[in-house]
All heavy atoms as atom14 arrays in JSON, in Angstrom:
{
  "sequence": "NTSNLTSVGLSQFSKRTTNYYYIGDYDFNSVMGYSSYTSSGSI",
  "atom14_mask": [
    [1, 1, 1, 1, 1, 1, 1, 1, 0, 0, 0, 0, 0, 0],
    [1, 1, 1, 1, 1, 1, 1, 0, 0, 0, 0, 0, 0, 0],
    [1, 1, 1, 1, 1, 1, 0, 0, 0, 0, 0, 0, 0, 0],
    [1, 1, 1, 1, 1, 1, 1, 1, 0, 0, 0, 0, 0, 0],
    [1, 1, 1, 1, 1, 1, 1, 1, 0, 0, 0, 0, 0, 0],
    [1, 1, 1, 1, 1, 1, 1, 0, 0, 0, 0, 0, 0, 0],
    [1, 1, 1, 1, 1, 1, 0, 0, 0, 0, 0, 0, 0, 0],
    [1, 1, 1, 1, 1, 1, 1, 0, 0, 0, 0, 0, 0, 0],
    [1, 1, 1, 1, 0, 0, 0, 0, 0, 0, 0, 0, 0, 0],
    [1, 1, 1, 1, 1, 1, 1, 1, 0, 0, 0, 0, 0, 0],
    [1, 1, 1, 1, 1, 1, 0, 0, 0, 0, 0, 0, 0, 0],
    [1, 1, 1, 1, 1, 1, 1, 1, 1, 0, 0, 0, 0, 0],
    [1, 1, 1, 1, 1, 1, 1, 1, 1, 1, 1, 0, 0, 0],
    [1, 1, 1, 1, 1, 1, 0, 0, 0, 0, 0, 0, 0, 0],
    [1, 1, 1, 1, 1, 1, 1, 1, 1, 0, 0, 0, 0, 0],
    [1, 1, 1, 1, 1, 1, 1, 1, 1, 1, 1, 0, 0, 0],
    [1, 1, 1, 1, 1, 1, 1, 0, 0, 0, 0, 0, 0, 0],
    [1, 1, 1, 1, 1, 1, 1, 0, 0, 0, 0, 0, 0, 0],
    [1, 1, 1, 1, 1, 1, 1, 1, 0, 0, 0, 0, 0, 0],
    [1, 1, 1, 1, 1, 1, 1, 1, 1, 1, 1, 1, 0, 0],
    [1, 1, 1, 1, 1, 1, 1, 1, 1, 1, 1, 1, 0, 0],
    [1, 1, 1, 1, 1, 1, 1, 1, 1, 1, 1, 1, 0, 0],
    [1, 1, 1, 1, 1, 1, 1, 1, 0, 0, 0, 0, 0, 0],
    [1, 1, 1, 1, 0, 0, 0, 0, 0, 0, 0, 0, 0, 0],
    [1, 1, 1, 1, 1, 1, 1, 1, 0, 0, 0, 0, 0, 0],
    [1, 1, 1, 1, 1, 1, 1, 1, 1, 1, 1, 1, 0, 0],
    [1, 1, 1, 1, 1, 1, 1, 1, 0, 0, 0, 0, 0, 0],
    [1, 1, 1, 1, 1, 1, 1, 1, 1, 1, 1, 0, 0, 0],
    [1, 1, 1, 1, 1, 1, 1, 1, 0, 0, 0, 0, 0, 0],
    [1, 1, 1, 1, 1, 1, 0, 0, 0, 0, 0, 0, 0, 0],
    [1, 1, 1, 1, 1, 1, 1, 0, 0, 0, 0, 0, 0, 0],
    [1, 1, 1, 1, 1, 1, 1, 1, 0, 0, 0, 0, 0, 0],
    [1, 1, 1, 1, 0, 0, 0, 0, 0, 0, 0, 0, 0, 0],
    [1, 1, 1, 1, 1, 1, 1, 1, 1, 1, 1, 1, 0, 0],
    [1, 1, 1, 1, 1, 1, 0, 0, 0, 0, 0, 0, 0, 0],
    [1, 1, 1, 1, 1, 1, 0, 0, 0, 0, 0, 0, 0, 0],
    [1, 1, 1, 1, 1, 1, 1, 1, 1, 1, 1, 1, 0, 0],
    [1, 1, 1, 1, 1, 1, 1, 0, 0, 0, 0, 0, 0, 0],
    [1, 1, 1, 1, 1, 1, 0, 0, 0, 0, 0, 0, 0, 0],
    [1, 1, 1, 1, 1, 1, 0, 0, 0, 0, 0, 0, 0, 0],
    [1, 1, 1, 1, 0, 0, 0, 0, 0, 0, 0, 0, 0, 0],
    [1, 1, 1, 1, 1, 1, 0, 0, 0, 0, 0, 0, 0, 0],
    [1, 1, 1, 1, 1, 1, 1, 1, 0, 0, 0, 0, 0, 0]
  ],
  "atom14_positions": [
    [[2.31, 108.97, -74.72], [3.18, 109.97, -74.15], [3.11, 109.87, -72.61], [2.52, 110.72, -71.93], [2.84, 111.36, -74.63], [3.86, 112.39, -74.23], [4.91, 112.07, -73.66], [3.56, 113.65, -74.53], [0.0, 0.0, 0.0], [0.0, 0.0, 0.0], [0.0, 0.0, 0.0], [0.0, 0.0, 0.0], [0.0, 0.0, 0.0], [0.0, 0.0, 0.0]],
    [[3.64, 108.79, -72.07], [3.48, 108.52, -70.63], [4.05, 109.62, -69.76], [3.58, 109.85, -68.66], [4.16, 107.18, -70.27], [5.53, 107.23, -70.69], [3.45, 106.01, -70.97], [0.0, 0.0, 0.0], [0.0, 0.0, 0.0], [0.0, 0.0, 0.0], [0.0, 0.0, 0.0], [0.0, 0.0, 0.0], [0.0, 0.0, 0.0], [0.0, 0.0, 0.0]],
    [[5.09, 110.31, -70.23], [5.69, 111.38, -69.4], [4.78, 112.55, -69.21], [4.94, 113.37, -68.28], [7.01, 111.85, -70.05], [6.79, 112.44, -71.3], [0.0, 0.0, 0.0], [0.0, 0.0, 0.0], [0.0, 0.0, 0.0], [0.0, 0.0, 0.0], [0.0, 0.0, 0.0], [0.0, 0.0, 0.0], [0.0, 0.0, 0.0], [0.0, 0.0, 0.0]],
    [[3.74, 112.7, -70.06], [2.81, 113.82, -69.94], [1.49, 113.4, -69.32], [0.66, 114.25, -69.05], [2.51, 114.44, -71.33], [1.8, 115.77, -71.23], [2.08, 116.56, -70.33], [0.87, 116.0, -72.11], [0.0, 0.0, 0.0], [0.0, 0.0, 0.0], [0.0, 0.0, 0.0], [0.0, 0.0, 0.0], [0.0, 0.0, 0.0], [0.0, 0.0, 0.0]],
    [[1.32, 112.11, -69.0], [0.09, 111.64, -68.43], [0.21, 111.57, -66.92], [1.18, 111.06, -66.36], [-0.23, 110.23, -68.96], [-0.68, 110.17, -70.43], [-0.76, 108.72, -70.85], [-2.01, 110.88, -70.63], [0.0, 0.0, 0.0], [0.0, 0.0, 0.0], [0.0, 0.0, 0.0], [0.0, 0.0, 0.0], [0.0, 0.0, 0.0], [0.0, 0.0, 0.0]],
    [[-0.78, 112.14, -66.25], [-0.83, 112.02, -64.77], [-1.21, 110.56, -64.44], [-1.49, 109.77, -65.31], [-1.89, 112.97, -64.19], [-3.2, 112.54, -64.65], [-1.64, 114.41, -64.64], [0.0, 0.0, 0.0], [0.0, 0.0, 0.0], [0.0, 0.0, 0.0], [0.0, 0.0, 0.0], [0.0, 0.0, 0.0], [0.0, 0.0, 0.0], [0.0, 0.0, 0.0]],
    [[-1.24, 110.27, -63.13], [-1.63, 108.92, -62.76], [-3.06, 108.62, -63.18], [-3.38, 107.48, -63.59], [-1.49, 108.75, -61.26], [-2.18, 109.75, -60.57], [0.0, 0.0, 0.0], [0.0, 0.0, 0.0], [0.0, 0.0, 0.0], [0.0, 0.0, 0.0], [0.0, 0.0, 0.0], [0.0, 0.0, 0.0], [0.0, 0.0, 0.0], [0.0, 0.0, 0.0]],
    [[-3.93, 109.62, -63.12], [-5.31, 109.44, -63.62], [-5.31, 109.21, -65.12], [-6.0, 108.37, -65.65], [-6.21, 110.67, -63.22], [-7.55, 110.55, -63.91], [-6.35, 110.73, -61.71], [0.0, 0.0, 0.0], [0.0, 0.0, 0.0], [0.0, 0.0, 0.0], [0.0, 0.0, 0.0], [0.0, 0.0, 0.0], [0.0, 0.0, 0.0], [0.0, 0.0, 0.0]],
    [[-4.49, 109.99, -65.84], [-4.37, 109.82, -67.29], [-3.86, 108.45, -67.67], [-4.38, 107.81, -68.6], [0.0, 0.0, 0.0], [0.0, 0.0, 0.0], [0.0, 0.0, 0.0], [0.0, 0.0, 0.0], [0.0, 0.0, 0.0], [0.0, 0.0, 0.0], [0.0, 0.0, 0.0], [0.0, 0.0, 0.0], [0.0, 0.0, 0.0], [0.0, 0.0, 0.0]],
    [[-2.85, 107.99, -66.97], [-2.27, 106.67, -67.25], [-3.31, 105.55, -67.09], [-3.33, 104.59, -67.85], [-1.08, 106.42, -66.35], [0.22, 107.14, -66.69], [1.23, 106.97, -65.53], [0.81, 106.65, -68.01], [0.0, 0.0, 0.0], [0.0, 0.0, 0.0], [0.0, 0.0, 0.0], [0.0, 0.0, 0.0], [0.0, 0.0, 0.0], [0.0, 0.0, 0.0]],
    [[-4.21, 105.73, -66.09], [-5.22, 104.69, -65.9], [-6.16, 104.57, -67.04], [-6.82, 103.55, -67.21], [-5.99, 105.01, -64.59], [-6.89, 106.09, -64.74], [0.0, 0.0, 0.0], [0.0, 0.0, 0.0], [0.0, 0.0, 0.0], [0.0, 0.0, 0.0], [0.0, 0.0, 0.0], [0.0, 0.0, 0.0], [0.0, 0.0, 0.0], [0.0, 0.0, 0.0]],
    [[-6.29, 105.61, -67.87], [-7.17, 105.6, -69.0], [-6.51, 105.05, -70.26], [-7.13, 104.98, -71.33], [-7.76, 106.98, -69.22], [-8.54, 107.47, -68.02], [-9.24, 108.77, -68.22], [-9.54, 109.19, -69.32], [-9.52, 109.48, -67.12], [0.0, 0.0, 0.0], [0.0, 0.0, 0.0], [0.0, 0.0, 0.0], [0.0, 0.0, 0.0], [0.0, 0.0, 0.0]],
    [[-5.24, 104.69, -70.17], [-4.55, 104.09, -71.28], [-4.02, 102.7, -70.94], [-3.05, 102.23, -71.5], [-3.37, 104.99, -71.71], [-3.8, 106.19, -72.51], [-4.24, 107.35, -71.88], [-3.81, 106.14, -73.88], [-4.66, 108.45, -72.62], [-4.21, 107.26, -74.64], [-4.65, 108.4, -74.01], [0.0, 0.0, 0.0], [0.0, 0.0, 0.0], [0.0, 0.0, 0.0]],
    [[-4.69, 102.05, -69.97], [-4.27, 100.68, -69.62], [-4.56, 99.77, -70.8], [-5.65, 99.74, -71.37], [-5.07, 100.21, -68.41], [-4.83, 101.0, -67.27], [0.0, 0.0, 0.0], [0.0, 0.0, 0.0], [0.0, 0.0, 0.0], [0.0, 0.0, 0.0], [0.0, 0.0, 0.0], [0.0, 0.0, 0.0], [0.0, 0.0, 0.0], [0.0, 0.0, 0.0]],
    [[-3.54, 98.97, -71.13], [-3.68, 98.08, -72.32], [-4.38, 96.79, -71.92], [-4.03, 96.13, -70.96], [-2.27, 97.79, -72.88], [-2.32, 96.96, -74.17], [-0.97, 96.97, -74.87], [0.13, 96.42, -74.0], [1.4, 96.33, -74.77], [0.0, 0.0, 0.0], [0.0, 0.0, 0.0], [0.0, 0.0, 0.0], [0.0, 0.0, 0.0], [0.0, 0.0, 0.0]],
    [[-5.41, 96.43, -72.67], [-6.12, 95.19, -72.4], [-5.34, 94.04, -73.0], [-4.84, 94.12, -74.12], [-7.53, 95.24, -73.03], [-8.33, 96.42, -72.53], [-9.79, 96.33, -72.94], [-9.99, 96.24, -74.38], [-10.06, 97.29, -75.17], [-9.9, 98.5, -74.71], [-10.25, 97.14, -76.46], [0.0, 0.0, 0.0], [0.0, 0.0, 0.0], [0.0, 0.0, 0.0]],
    [[-5.27, 92.93, -72.27], [-4.46, 91.82, -72.74], [-5.19, 90.49, -72.75], [-4.72, 89.52, -73.28], [-3.23, 91.63, -71.84], [-3.62, 91.47, -70.5], [-2.3, 92.88, -71.95], [0.0, 0.0, 0.0], [0.0, 0.0, 0.0], [0.0, 0.0, 0.0], [0.0, 0.0, 0.0], [0.0, 0.0, 0.0], [0.0, 0.0, 0.0], [0.0, 0.0, 0.0]],
    [[-6.41, 90.42, -72.15], [-7.13, 89.15, -72.12], [-8.64, 89.39, -72.37], [-9.18, 90.43, -72.04], [-6.98, 88.43, -70.74], [-7.54, 89.3, -69.72], [-5.56, 88.1, -70.44], [0.0, 0.0, 0.0], [0.0, 0.0, 0.0], [0.0, 0.0, 0.0], [0.0, 0.0, 0.0], [0.0, 0.0, 0.0], [0.0, 0.0, 0.0], [0.0, 0.0, 0.0]],
    [[-9.27, 88.37, -72.95], [-10.72, 88.27, -73.05], [-11.36, 89.49, -73.72], [-12.39, 90.01, -73.25], [-11.33, 88.07, -71.66], [-11.05, 86.7, -71.11], [-10.16, 86.01, -71.6], [-11.78, 86.32, -70.09], [0.0, 0.0, 0.0], [0.0, 0.0, 0.0], [0.0, 0.0, 0.0], [0.0, 0.0, 0.0], [0.0, 0.0, 0.0], [0.0, 0.0, 0.0]],
    [[-10.81, 89.9, -74.8], [-11.4, 91.0, -75.6], [-11.47, 90.64, -77.06], [-10.59, 89.98, -77.58], [-10.63, 92.3, -75.35], [-10.76, 92.78, -73.94], [-9.75, 92.51, -73.01], [-11.91, 93.42, -73.53], [-9.9, 92.92, -71.68], [-12.07, 93.82, -72.2], [-11.05, 93.58, -71.3], [-11.2, 93.95, -70.0], [0.0, 0.0, 0.0], [0.0, 0.0, 0.0]],
    [[-12.5, 91.15, -77.66], [-12.78, 90.84, -79.07], [-12.68, 92.14, -79.89], [-13.33, 93.12, -79.55], [-14.18, 90.26, -79.17], [-14.7, 90.04, -80.58], [-13.99, 89.21, -81.46], [-15.88, 90.58, -80.98], [-14.44, 88.98, -82.71], [-16.35, 90.35, -82.26], [-15.62, 89.57, -83.13], [-16.09, 89.33, -84.41], [0.0, 0.0, 0.0], [0.0, 0.0, 0.0]],
    [[-11.85, 92.13, -80.9], [-11.78, 93.28, -81.75], [-11.63, 92.86, -83.2], [-11.25, 91.72, -83.48], [-10.62, 94.23, -81.35], [-9.22, 93.58, -81.31], [-8.4, 93.69, -82.41], [-8.79, 92.96, -80.18], [-7.11, 93.13, -82.4], [-7.51, 92.41, -80.14], [-6.7, 92.5, -81.26], [-5.44, 91.93, -81.22], [0.0, 0.0, 0.0], [0.0, 0.0, 0.0]],
    [[-11.96, 93.76, -84.09], [-12.0, 93.47, -85.54], [-11.04, 94.4, -86.26], [-11.05, 95.6, -86.03], [-13.43, 93.66, -86.1], [-14.37, 92.59, -85.55], [-13.42, 93.61, -87.63], [-15.8, 92.73, -85.99], [0.0, 0.0, 0.0], [0.0, 0.0, 0.0], [0.0, 0.0, 0.0], [0.0, 0.0, 0.0], [0.0, 0.0, 0.0], [0.0, 0.0, 0.0]],
    [[-10.21, 93.81, -87.13], [-9.4, 94.66, -88.0], [-8.24, 95.32, -87.29], [-7.97, 95.09, -86.11], [0.0, 0.0, 0.0], [0.0, 0.0, 0.0], [0.0, 0.0, 0.0], [0.0, 0.0, 0.0], [0.0, 0.0, 0.0], [0.0, 0.0, 0.0], [0.0, 0.0, 0.0], [0.0, 0.0, 0.0], [0.0, 0.0, 0.0], [0.0, 0.0, 0.0]],
    [[-7.57, 96.18, -88.04], [-6.42, 96.92, -87.5], [-6.93, 98.06, -86.6], [-8.12, 98.33, -86.52], [-5.58, 97.5, -88.64], [-4.9, 96.43, -89.47], [-4.71, 95.28, -88.92], [-4.59, 96.68, -90.64], [0.0, 0.0, 0.0], [0.0, 0.0, 0.0], [0.0, 0.0, 0.0], [0.0, 0.0, 0.0], [0.0, 0.0, 0.0], [0.0, 0.0, 0.0]],
    [[-5.97, 98.69, -85.93], [-6.34, 99.84, -85.1], [-7.11, 100.83, -85.89], [-6.8, 101.18, -87.03], [-5.04, 100.48, -84.59], [-5.24, 101.5, -83.49], [-5.0, 101.12, -82.16], [-5.66, 102.79, -83.77], [-5.19, 102.06, -81.12], [-5.84, 103.69, -82.76], [-5.63, 103.36, -81.46], [-5.83, 104.25, -80.43], [0.0, 0.0, 0.0], [0.0, 0.0, 0.0]],
    [[-8.19, 101.34, -85.29], [-9.14, 102.2, -86.0], [-9.04, 103.61, -85.52], [-9.54, 103.98, -84.44], [-10.56, 101.65, -85.77], [-11.59, 102.37, -86.62], [-11.22, 103.33, -87.33], [-12.77, 101.93, -86.59], [0.0, 0.0, 0.0], [0.0, 0.0, 0.0], [0.0, 0.0, 0.0], [0.0, 0.0, 0.0], [0.0, 0.0, 0.0], [0.0, 0.0, 0.0]],
    [[-8.32, 104.47, -86.28], [-8.15, 105.84, -85.9], [-9.4, 106.67, -86.06], [-9.44, 107.84, -85.69], [-7.01, 106.49, -86.7], [-5.65, 105.94, -86.37], [-5.0, 105.04, -87.24], [-5.02, 106.27, -85.2], [-3.75, 104.55, -86.91], [-3.76, 105.78, -84.88], [-3.14, 104.92, -85.74], [0.0, 0.0, 0.0], [0.0, 0.0, 0.0], [0.0, 0.0, 0.0]],
    [[-10.43, 106.09, -86.63], [-11.71, 106.79, -86.83], [-12.79, 106.31, -85.87], [-13.94, 106.73, -85.97], [-12.21, 106.61, -88.24], [-11.27, 107.21, -89.25], [-11.27, 108.41, -89.49], [-10.44, 106.38, -89.85], [0.0, 0.0, 0.0], [0.0, 0.0, 0.0], [0.0, 0.0, 0.0], [0.0, 0.0, 0.0], [0.0, 0.0, 0.0], [0.0, 0.0, 0.0]],
    [[-12.48, 105.43, -84.94], [-13.48, 104.81, -84.07], [-14.08, 105.86, -83.15], [-13.4, 106.71, -82.58], [-12.82, 103.7, -83.23], [-13.76, 103.24, -82.25], [0.0, 0.0, 0.0], [0.0, 0.0, 0.0], [0.0, 0.0, 0.0], [0.0, 0.0, 0.0], [0.0, 0.0, 0.0], [0.0, 0.0, 0.0], [0.0, 0.0, 0.0], [0.0, 0.0, 0.0]],
    [[-15.39, 105.74, -82.93], [-16.08, 106.58, -81.97], [-15.65, 106.26, -80.55], [-15.88, 107.05, -79.63], [-17.62, 106.4, -82.07], [-18.09, 105.08, -81.49], [-18.39, 107.59, -81.47], [0.0, 0.0, 0.0], [0.0, 0.0, 0.0], [0.0, 0.0, 0.0], [0.0, 0.0, 0.0], [0.0, 0.0, 0.0], [0.0, 0.0, 0.0], [0.0, 0.0, 0.0]],
    [[-14.93, 105.15, -80.35], [-14.49, 104.73, -79.05], [-13.09, 105.13, -78.73], [-12.49, 104.71, -77.71], [-14.61, 103.2, -78.9], [-16.01, 102.66, -79.17], [-17.3, 103.56, -78.24], [-16.86, 103.14, -76.57], [0.0, 0.0, 0.0], [0.0, 0.0, 0.0], [0.0, 0.0, 0.0], [0.0, 0.0, 0.0], [0.0, 0.0, 0.0], [0.0, 0.0, 0.0]],
    [[-12.49, 105.98, -79.55], [-11.13, 106.46, -79.28], [-11.1, 107.91, -78.88], [-12.1, 108.63, -78.94], [0.0, 0.0, 0.0], [0.0, 0.0, 0.0], [0.0, 0.0, 0.0], [0.0, 0.0, 0.0], [0.0, 0.0, 0.0], [0.0, 0.0, 0.0], [0.0, 0.0, 0.0], [0.0, 0.0, 0.0], [0.0, 0.0, 0.0], [0.0, 0.0, 0.0]],
    [[-9.95, 108.38, -78.48], [-9.74, 109.79, -78.09], [-8.81, 110.44, -79.12], [-8.01, 109.8, -79.78], [-9.1, 109.89, -76.75], [-9.94, 109.41, -75.58], [-9.34, 108.86, -74.45], [-11.33, 109.51, -75.6], [-10.1, 108.4, -73.38], [-12.1, 109.06, -74.57], [-11.48, 108.52, -73.45], [-12.25, 108.09, -72.41], [0.0, 0.0, 0.0], [0.0, 0.0, 0.0]],
    [[-8.92, 111.77, -79.21], [-7.98, 112.53, -80.0], [-6.65, 112.68, -79.22], [-6.59, 112.35, -78.02], [-8.54, 113.9, -80.33], [-9.66, 113.78, -81.2], [0.0, 0.0, 0.0], [0.0, 0.0, 0.0], [0.0, 0.0, 0.0], [0.0, 0.0, 0.0], [0.0, 0.0, 0.0], [0.0, 0.0, 0.0], [0.0, 0.0, 0.0], [0.0, 0.0, 0.0]],
    [[-5.62, 113.18, -79.87], [-4.32, 113.28, -79.26], [-4.27, 114.23, -78.07], [-3.58, 113.99, -77.11], [-3.28, 113.7, -80.29], [-2.99, 112.68, -81.2], [0.0, 0.0, 0.0], [0.0, 0.0, 0.0], [0.0, 0.0, 0.0], [0.0, 0.0, 0.0], [0.0, 0.0, 0.0], [0.0, 0.0, 0.0], [0.0, 0.0, 0.0], [0.0, 0.0, 0.0]],
    [[-5.05, 115.34, -78.18], [-5.0, 116.36, -77.16], [-6.2, 116.33, -76.23], [-7.3, 115.93, -76.63], [-4.9, 117.73, -77.8], [-3.52, 118.07, -78.35], [-3.25, 117.85, -79.7], [-2.55, 118.56, -77.54], [-1.97, 118.14, -80.21], [-1.26, 118.86, -78.02], [-0.99, 118.65, -79.36], [0.26, 118.93, -79.85], [0.0, 0.0, 0.0], [0.0, 0.0, 0.0]],
    [[-6.0, 116.77, -75.01], [-7.07, 117.0, -74.07], [-6.83, 118.37, -73.36], [-5.7, 118.78, -73.23], [-7.17, 115.88, -73.01], [-8.19, 116.2, -72.07], [-5.87, 115.76, -72.26], [0.0, 0.0, 0.0], [0.0, 0.0, 0.0], [0.0, 0.0, 0.0], [0.0, 0.0, 0.0], [0.0, 0.0, 0.0], [0.0, 0.0, 0.0], [0.0, 0.0, 0.0]],
    [[-7.92, 118.96, -72.95], [-7.81, 120.2, -72.22], [-7.83, 120.02, -70.72], [-7.81, 120.96, -69.93], [-8.97, 121.15, -72.62], [-10.24, 120.52, -72.29], [0.0, 0.0, 0.0], [0.0, 0.0, 0.0], [0.0, 0.0, 0.0], [0.0, 0.0, 0.0], [0.0, 0.0, 0.0], [0.0, 0.0, 0.0], [0.0, 0.0, 0.0], [0.0, 0.0, 0.0]],
    [[-7.81, 118.73, -70.29], [-7.97, 118.4, -68.89], [-6.63, 118.38, -68.17], [-5.74, 117.59, -68.49], [-8.64, 117.05, -68.72], [-8.61, 116.64, -67.37], [0.0, 0.0, 0.0], [0.0, 0.0, 0.0], [0.0, 0.0, 0.0], [0.0, 0.0, 0.0], [0.0, 0.0, 0.0], [0.0, 0.0, 0.0], [0.0, 0.0, 0.0], [0.0, 0.0, 0.0]],
    [[-6.5, 119.21, -67.16], [-5.27, 119.24, -66.37], [-5.15, 118.07, -65.4], [-4.06, 117.84, -64.86], [0.0, 0.0, 0.0], [0.0, 0.0, 0.0], [0.0, 0.0, 0.0], [0.0, 0.0, 0.0], [0.0, 0.0, 0.0], [0.0, 0.0, 0.0], [0.0, 0.0, 0.0], [0.0, 0.0, 0.0], [0.0, 0.0, 0.0], [0.0, 0.0, 0.0]],
    [[-6.23, 117.31, -65.2], [-6.14, 116.12, -64.35], [-5.68, 114.88, -65.17], [-5.27, 113.9, -64.6], [-7.48, 115.8, -63.73], [-8.41, 115.4, -64.7], [0.0, 0.0, 0.0], [0.0, 0.0, 0.0], [0.0, 0.0, 0.0], [0.0, 0.0, 0.0], [0.0, 0.0, 0.0], [0.0, 0.0, 0.0], [0.0, 0.0, 0.0], [0.0, 0.0, 0.0]],
    [[-5.68, 115.02, -66.5], [-5.26, 113.92, -67.36], [-3.81, 114.07, -67.8], [-3.03, 113.11, -67.85], [-6.16, 113.83, -68.6], [-7.64, 113.63, -68.2], [-5.72, 112.69, -69.54], [-7.9, 112.37, -67.45], [0.0, 0.0, 0.0], [0.0, 0.0, 0.0], [0.0, 0.0, 0.0], [0.0, 0.0, 0.0], [0.0, 0.0, 0.0], [0.0, 0.0, 0.0]]
  ]
}
């Protein structure tokens, strides 16, 4: 939801495109992911 993300928030959703190793499909249960909502007004 780029229209709701501040510039700081957008920087935390930068898509990696090179030199990364991952396994399987997108993991909605990963400890390394975020939930949909945040309470942060800077994000």
